[in-house]
Amino acid sequence: MLPLDELYQEVILDHYKNPKNQGTIENPDYKGHGVNPLCGDDVEIWIKLENGKIKSLKSIGKGCAVSQASLSMMGEALQGKSIEEARQAVEKFKKGMLEGGELHFEEYPDLEALEGVKKFPVRIKCAVLPWNTFLEALESHPSA
């Protein structure tokens, strides 16, 4: 059996090499763009709602493995949630990364792989960038 750090590293690398929900959405309800100039991370997200829930969350990004894995995981974790449920999940994730909270998401356990990132404070911004971009999209960039 692999040590936990190695398992987490494998999950991050898998999301980096095989990102989920990659692409764009025509006529999104919301869209956002975020950049981390310190690391060169760049993410764009598109959100489409149906019946008050996230029907589709697509993204395109470039940058380090941490930011791109986090972007992929976020898309998976927020699919099907209402906007309020998604906001709560984002706040829980950010609290876990920034305030030492727990990164335990029963419905999407891959996020726990980012727990190891907290050992490297400079990388926390990489992990949080997609999540902040999601919130900013909701607040600042409605396309409807």
Foldseek 3Di string as FASTA:
>chain_A
DDDLLVVLVVLLVCCLVPFPQADEDPQAQWKFWFADVVFGKIKIWGFHDDPQATQGIYMDIDTDSQLSSLLRLLRVVRHGGGPVVSLVLLVQLCCVQPVVDAQDDPVRRSSNSCNVVSVPVVCSCSNSGNSVRVVCRVVPGGPD
